[in-house]
Amino acid sequence: MMERDERPRMSSLYRMQFEATQDHWVLLYPEGMVRLNLPAAEILQRCDGQRTVDEIVAELEAAFEQASLHEDVIGFLCQARERGWLQ
């Protein structure tokens, strides 16, 4: 489980970039690439080690004018950490 005051950060093994030819954000790593959907890209862009989980959720709720994103964001962050995308 990820705590609300944790400050998730992308692993140094991964790098996000926008691939214009695919019109998608991708996560690059030595063995390949993961194509990200828009919600995943929006969350991972905010995982800079500075923002807390609560701050990330608040930014996303404001940006998309949608409330109650906390559980969805936490769920994604837990999966991302299990996959090694986050430190």
N, C-alpha and C. Protein backbone atom coordinates (compact mmCIF):
# COMPACT_ATOMS: atom_id res chain seq x y z
N MET A 1 0.85 -1.19 0.00
CA MET A 1 0.00 0.00 0.00
C MET A 1 0.88 1.24 0.00
N MET A 2 0.44 2.25 -0.64
CA MET A 2 1.18 3.51 -0.70
C MET A 2 0.52 4.49 0.26
N GLU A 3 1.33 5.13 1.06
CA GLU A 3 0.83 6.09 2.05
C GLU A 3 0.57 7.45 1.40
N ARG A 4 -0.35 8.18 1.98
CA ARG A 4 -0.76 9.47 1.42
C ARG A 4 0.36 10.51 1.44
N ASP A 5 1.30 10.37 2.37
CA ASP A 5 2.38 11.35 2.48
C ASP A 5 3.67 10.91 1.78
N GLU A 6 3.64 9.74 1.12
CA GLU A 6 4.81 9.30 0.35
C GLU A 6 5.03 10.23 -0.84
N ARG A 7 6.27 10.29 -1.26
CA ARG A 7 6.64 11.13 -2.40
C ARG A 7 7.23 10.23 -3.50
N PRO A 8 6.32 9.64 -4.32
CA PRO A 8 6.81 8.71 -5.34
C PRO A 8 7.69 9.40 -6.37
N ARG A 9 8.68 8.63 -6.86
CA ARG A 9 9.62 9.15 -7.85
C ARG A 9 9.88 8.05 -8.87
N MET A 10 10.01 8.45 -10.13
CA MET A 10 10.31 7.49 -11.18
C MET A 10 11.66 6.84 -10.91
N SER A 11 11.75 5.56 -11.20
CA SER A 11 13.00 4.84 -11.09
C SER A 11 13.98 5.38 -12.14
N SER A 12 15.24 5.40 -11.79
CA SER A 12 16.25 5.90 -12.72
C SER A 12 16.44 4.98 -13.92
N LEU A 13 15.89 3.76 -13.87
CA LEU A 13 15.98 2.83 -14.99
C LEU A 13 14.98 3.15 -16.10
N TYR A 14 14.02 4.04 -15.82
CA TYR A 14 12.96 4.36 -16.77
C TYR A 14 12.99 5.83 -17.14
N ARG A 15 12.53 6.11 -18.35
CA ARG A 15 12.43 7.49 -18.82
C ARG A 15 11.15 7.64 -19.62
N MET A 16 10.40 8.69 -19.31
CA MET A 16 9.17 8.97 -20.05
C MET A 16 9.46 9.94 -21.17
N GLN A 17 8.82 9.69 -22.30
CA GLN A 17 8.89 10.67 -23.38
C GLN A 17 7.66 10.54 -24.25
N PHE A 18 7.35 11.62 -24.94
CA PHE A 18 6.20 11.61 -25.85
C PHE A 18 6.69 11.17 -27.22
N GLU A 19 6.04 10.17 -27.77
CA GLU A 19 6.36 9.66 -29.10
C GLU A 19 5.34 10.22 -30.08
N ALA A 20 5.75 11.23 -30.83
CA ALA A 20 4.83 11.88 -31.76
C ALA A 20 4.30 10.91 -32.81
N THR A 21 5.13 9.99 -33.26
CA THR A 21 4.70 9.04 -34.29
C THR A 21 3.58 8.14 -33.79
N GLN A 22 3.56 7.88 -32.48
CA GLN A 22 2.52 7.05 -31.89
C GLN A 22 1.42 7.88 -31.24
N ASP A 23 1.67 9.19 -31.10
CA ASP A 23 0.74 10.10 -30.44
C ASP A 23 0.43 9.63 -29.01
N HIS A 24 1.47 9.11 -28.33
CA HIS A 24 1.32 8.61 -26.96
C HIS A 24 2.60 8.85 -26.17
N TRP A 25 2.41 8.89 -24.85
CA TRP A 25 3.55 8.87 -23.95
C TRP A 25 4.02 7.44 -23.83
N VAL A 26 5.32 7.26 -23.72
CA VAL A 26 5.89 5.93 -23.53
C VAL A 26 6.87 5.97 -22.37
N LEU A 27 7.08 4.81 -21.80
CA LEU A 27 8.04 4.63 -20.73
C LEU A 27 9.15 3.77 -21.31
N LEU A 28 10.34 4.34 -21.43
CA LEU A 28 11.47 3.63 -22.02
C LEU A 28 12.34 3.03 -20.93
N TYR A 29 12.86 1.85 -21.20
CA TYR A 29 13.79 1.17 -20.31
C TYR A 29 14.74 0.34 -21.16
N PRO A 30 15.84 -0.15 -20.59
CA PRO A 30 16.86 -0.81 -21.41
C PRO A 30 16.35 -1.96 -22.29
N GLU A 31 15.37 -2.71 -21.83
CA GLU A 31 14.88 -3.86 -22.59
C GLU A 31 13.73 -3.53 -23.52
N GLY A 32 13.20 -2.32 -23.48
CA GLY A 32 12.06 -2.04 -24.34
C GLY A 32 11.33 -0.77 -24.01
N MET A 33 10.00 -0.83 -24.21
CA MET A 33 9.17 0.35 -24.09
C MET A 33 7.76 -0.09 -23.67
N VAL A 34 7.11 0.75 -22.87
CA VAL A 34 5.73 0.55 -22.47
C VAL A 34 4.94 1.75 -22.97
N ARG A 35 3.89 1.49 -23.72
CA ARG A 35 3.02 2.57 -24.19
C ARG A 35 2.02 2.88 -23.08
N LEU A 36 1.94 4.14 -22.68
CA LEU A 36 1.10 4.56 -21.56
C LEU A 36 -0.21 5.16 -22.04
N ASN A 37 -1.28 4.87 -21.33
CA ASN A 37 -2.52 5.58 -21.61
C ASN A 37 -2.44 6.95 -20.95
N LEU A 38 -3.36 7.82 -21.27
CA LEU A 38 -3.31 9.21 -20.76
C LEU A 38 -3.32 9.29 -19.24
N PRO A 39 -4.22 8.57 -18.53
CA PRO A 39 -4.19 8.66 -17.07
C PRO A 39 -2.84 8.22 -16.48
N ALA A 40 -2.26 7.14 -17.00
CA ALA A 40 -0.98 6.67 -16.49
C ALA A 40 0.10 7.73 -16.70
N ALA A 41 0.12 8.33 -17.89
CA ALA A 41 1.11 9.36 -18.19
C ALA A 41 0.94 10.57 -17.28
N GLU A 42 -0.29 10.98 -17.05
CA GLU A 42 -0.55 12.14 -16.19
C GLU A 42 -0.08 11.88 -14.76
N ILE A 43 -0.30 10.68 -14.27
CA ILE A 43 0.14 10.34 -12.91
C ILE A 43 1.66 10.28 -12.85
N LEU A 44 2.28 9.55 -13.77
CA LEU A 44 3.74 9.37 -13.72
C LEU A 44 4.49 10.68 -13.91
N GLN A 45 3.94 11.61 -14.70
CA GLN A 45 4.60 12.90 -14.87
C GLN A 45 4.71 13.66 -13.57
N ARG A 46 3.85 13.37 -12.64
CA ARG A 46 3.85 14.06 -11.36
C ARG A 46 4.69 13.33 -10.29
N CYS A 47 5.21 12.18 -10.62
CA CYS A 47 6.02 11.40 -9.67
C CYS A 47 7.46 11.85 -9.75
N ASP A 48 7.73 12.99 -9.12
CA ASP A 48 9.04 13.62 -9.19
C ASP A 48 9.81 13.59 -7.88
N GLY A 49 9.24 12.91 -6.88
CA GLY A 49 9.88 12.86 -5.57
C GLY A 49 9.64 14.10 -4.73
N GLN A 50 8.96 15.08 -5.28
CA GLN A 50 8.66 16.31 -4.56
C GLN A 50 7.21 16.32 -4.05
N ARG A 51 6.30 15.85 -4.88
CA ARG A 51 4.88 15.86 -4.54
C ARG A 51 4.52 14.62 -3.72
N THR A 52 3.64 14.82 -2.75
CA THR A 52 3.10 13.68 -2.00
C THR A 52 1.99 13.05 -2.83
N VAL A 53 1.58 11.86 -2.44
CA VAL A 53 0.47 11.20 -3.11
C VAL A 53 -0.76 12.09 -3.05
N ASP A 54 -1.04 12.68 -1.90
CA ASP A 54 -2.20 13.57 -1.77
C ASP A 54 -2.10 14.78 -2.72
N GLU A 55 -0.92 15.32 -2.88
CA GLU A 55 -0.74 16.46 -3.80
C GLU A 55 -0.96 16.03 -5.25
N ILE A 56 -0.48 14.85 -5.60
CA ILE A 56 -0.69 14.34 -6.96
C ILE A 56 -2.18 14.17 -7.22
N VAL A 57 -2.88 13.58 -6.27
CA VAL A 57 -4.33 13.38 -6.42
C VAL A 57 -5.04 14.72 -6.56
N ALA A 58 -4.69 15.68 -5.73
CA ALA A 58 -5.33 17.00 -5.78
C ALA A 58 -5.09 17.68 -7.13
N GLU A 59 -3.87 17.59 -7.65
CA GLU A 59 -3.57 18.18 -8.96
C GLU A 59 -4.40 17.53 -10.06
N LEU A 60 -4.51 16.21 -10.02
CA LEU A 60 -5.28 15.50 -11.04
C LEU A 60 -6.76 15.82 -10.95
N GLU A 61 -7.28 15.88 -9.72
CA GLU A 61 -8.70 16.22 -9.55
C GLU A 61 -8.99 17.61 -10.07
N ALA A 62 -8.07 18.54 -9.86
CA ALA A 62 -8.26 19.91 -10.37
C ALA A 62 -8.10 19.96 -11.88
N ALA A 63 -7.09 19.28 -12.40
CA ALA A 63 -6.82 19.32 -13.84
C ALA A 63 -7.96 18.72 -14.65
N PHE A 64 -8.56 17.66 -14.13
CA PHE A 64 -9.61 16.97 -14.88
C PHE A 64 -11.01 17.26 -14.35
N GLU A 65 -11.08 18.19 -13.39
CA GLU A 65 -12.36 18.58 -12.79
C GLU A 65 -13.19 17.36 -12.41
N GLN A 66 -12.54 16.48 -11.66
CA GLN A 66 -13.18 15.25 -11.24
C GLN A 66 -12.77 14.96 -9.81
N ALA A 67 -13.73 14.60 -8.99
CA ALA A 67 -13.45 14.30 -7.59
C ALA A 67 -13.29 12.80 -7.39
N SER A 68 -12.81 12.45 -6.24
CA SER A 68 -12.71 11.05 -5.81
C SER A 68 -11.79 10.20 -6.67
N LEU A 69 -10.62 10.73 -7.02
CA LEU A 69 -9.65 9.96 -7.80
C LEU A 69 -8.64 9.22 -6.92
N HIS A 70 -8.71 9.44 -5.63
CA HIS A 70 -7.68 8.92 -4.72
C HIS A 70 -7.47 7.42 -4.86
N GLU A 71 -8.51 6.64 -4.81
CA GLU A 71 -8.33 5.18 -4.85
C GLU A 71 -7.77 4.72 -6.20
N ASP A 72 -8.21 5.34 -7.29
CA ASP A 72 -7.69 4.98 -8.61
C ASP A 72 -6.21 5.31 -8.72
N VAL A 73 -5.82 6.48 -8.23
CA VAL A 73 -4.42 6.90 -8.30
C VAL A 73 -3.56 5.99 -7.43
N ILE A 74 -4.01 5.72 -6.22
CA ILE A 74 -3.28 4.83 -5.32
C ILE A 74 -3.12 3.45 -5.96
N GLY A 75 -4.17 2.94 -6.55
CA GLY A 75 -4.11 1.63 -7.20
C GLY A 75 -3.07 1.60 -8.31
N PHE A 76 -3.06 2.65 -9.12
CA PHE A 76 -2.07 2.72 -10.20
C PHE A 76 -0.66 2.84 -9.63
N LEU A 77 -0.46 3.70 -8.64
CA LEU A 77 0.87 3.87 -8.05
C LEU A 77 1.40 2.57 -7.46
N CYS A 78 0.54 1.80 -6.83
CA CYS A 78 0.96 0.51 -6.27
C CYS A 78 1.40 -0.43 -7.38
N GLN A 79 0.65 -0.48 -8.47
CA GLN A 79 1.02 -1.32 -9.61
C GLN A 79 2.34 -0.85 -10.22
N ALA A 80 2.49 0.46 -10.36
CA ALA A 80 3.71 1.02 -10.94
C ALA A 80 4.93 0.68 -10.07
N ARG A 81 4.74 0.72 -8.77
CA ARG A 81 5.85 0.38 -7.87
C ARG A 81 6.18 -1.11 -7.96
N GLU A 82 5.16 -1.95 -8.07
CA GLU A 82 5.39 -3.40 -8.21
C GLU A 82 6.16 -3.70 -9.49
N ARG A 83 5.91 -2.94 -10.55
CA ARG A 83 6.59 -3.15 -11.83
C ARG A 83 7.98 -2.53 -11.85
N GLY A 84 8.33 -1.80 -10.79
CA GLY A 84 9.66 -1.21 -10.71
C GLY A 84 9.75 0.16 -11.34
N TRP A 85 8.63 0.75 -11.75
CA TRP A 85 8.65 2.06 -12.39
C TRP A 85 8.92 3.16 -11.39
N LEU A 86 8.59 2.94 -10.13
CA LEU A 86 8.75 3.94 -9.07
C LEU A 86 9.74 3.48 -8.02
N GLN A 87 10.41 4.45 -7.41
CA GLN A 87 11.32 4.16 -6.29
C GLN A 87 10.60 4.41 -5.01
